[in-house]
Structures are given as structure tokens and as C-alpha cells.
Amino acid sequence: MPRGLKLLGPAPAAMAKRAGRYHAQLLLEARERAPLHRTLTEWLPDVEGIKSPRDLRWSLDVDPLDLF
């Protein structure tokens, strides 16, 4: 983990189950935007390359307004 970044989770989302689907969140926190964006740019190709079940979905939200 690069210096100045904090990884929180994975943890169940505030509404852990909605519409019959389970939701979780992984939070990456930084005081400064540049290290955060560099890390996301490096991680994204690796994360997209992970083989996962067909019914598993994920999304990336930078600066979310809420955590639901």
C-alpha cells in the first residue's frame, strides 16, 4: 500500500442485502488525490483481469456522495 493511503474493508455495505443481492464495499482513503488516482490507475487493470463468477458485479466510485 503506498504511503498516505488507507485501505478499509472489505465490509458489508450499510444495506448489506438489497433486491436479493449482497453488497459490500472496499474503501481506499487518502489525504491527497494524486496518490489515490495513481494507485487506482495501477490497480484497475489487475482488478479487471480477475476471473470472477458471472453474477458478481463491481463498480468504482471516486468521491462518492454516500456509501449506499
Protein backbone atom coordinates (compact mmCIF):
# COMPACT_ATOMS: atom_id res chain seq x y z
CA MET A 1 0.00 0.00 0.00
CA PRO A 2 1.50 3.35 -0.99
CA ARG A 3 2.28 5.75 1.79
CA GLY A 4 -0.60 8.04 2.75
CA LEU A 5 -3.32 5.62 1.65
CA LYS A 6 -5.57 3.67 3.99
CA LEU A 7 -7.48 0.54 2.95
CA LEU A 8 -10.71 -0.14 4.85
CA GLY A 9 -12.62 -3.37 4.34
CA PRO A 10 -13.97 -5.26 2.61
CA ALA A 11 -17.00 -4.85 4.80
CA PRO A 12 -20.74 -5.25 4.32
CA ALA A 13 -22.38 -2.15 2.85
CA ALA A 14 -24.77 -0.15 5.01
CA MET A 15 -27.62 -2.01 3.31
CA ALA A 16 -25.88 -5.40 3.07
CA LYS A 17 -28.71 -7.01 1.09
CA ARG A 18 -30.89 -5.20 -1.44
CA ALA A 19 -33.11 -6.68 -4.11
CA GLY A 20 -31.93 -10.17 -3.23
CA ARG A 21 -28.25 -9.31 -3.78
CA TYR A 22 -25.49 -8.92 -1.23
CA HIS A 23 -23.45 -5.71 -1.25
CA ALA A 24 -20.04 -4.96 0.25
CA GLN A 25 -17.58 -2.12 -0.01
CA LEU A 26 -13.85 -1.65 -0.03
CA LEU A 27 -12.77 1.88 0.79
CA LEU A 28 -9.46 3.42 -0.18
CA GLU A 29 -8.84 6.70 1.60
CA ALA A 30 -6.16 9.35 1.03
CA ARG A 31 -5.45 12.88 2.21
CA GLU A 32 -4.25 13.86 -1.25
CA ARG A 33 -5.85 12.98 -4.58
CA ALA A 34 -2.69 12.34 -6.63
CA PRO A 35 -1.50 9.19 -4.78
CA LEU A 36 -5.06 7.86 -4.75
CA HIS A 37 -5.50 8.32 -8.50
CA ARG A 38 -2.06 6.83 -9.25
CA THR A 39 -2.92 3.75 -7.18
CA LEU A 40 -6.32 3.34 -8.84
CA THR A 41 -4.71 3.64 -12.29
CA GLU A 42 -2.24 0.89 -11.38
CA TRP A 43 -4.82 -1.41 -9.73
CA LEU A 44 -7.62 -1.16 -12.26
CA PRO A 45 -6.11 -3.43 -14.97
CA ASP A 46 -5.31 -6.08 -12.34
CA VAL A 47 -8.80 -5.96 -10.83
CA GLU A 48 -10.44 -6.13 -14.26
CA GLY A 49 -8.33 -9.22 -15.04
CA ILE A 50 -9.56 -11.22 -12.05
CA LYS A 51 -11.74 -14.14 -13.08
CA SER A 52 -14.98 -13.97 -11.13
CA PRO A 53 -18.39 -15.62 -11.16
CA ARG A 54 -20.76 -14.34 -13.85
CA ASP A 55 -23.19 -12.99 -11.26
CA LEU A 56 -20.51 -10.96 -9.45
CA ARG A 57 -20.58 -7.26 -10.29
CA TRP A 58 -18.41 -4.44 -9.06
CA SER A 59 -18.11 -0.73 -9.60
CA LEU A 60 -15.64 2.01 -8.84
CA ASP A 61 -16.90 5.24 -7.34
CA VAL A 62 -14.39 8.03 -6.79
CA ASP A 63 -15.56 10.63 -4.26
CA PRO A 64 -18.93 9.00 -3.52
CA LEU A 65 -21.65 11.26 -2.18
CA ASP A 66 -22.91 8.47 0.03
CA LEU A 67 -21.86 4.91 0.82
CA PHE A 68 -25.06 3.02 -0.03
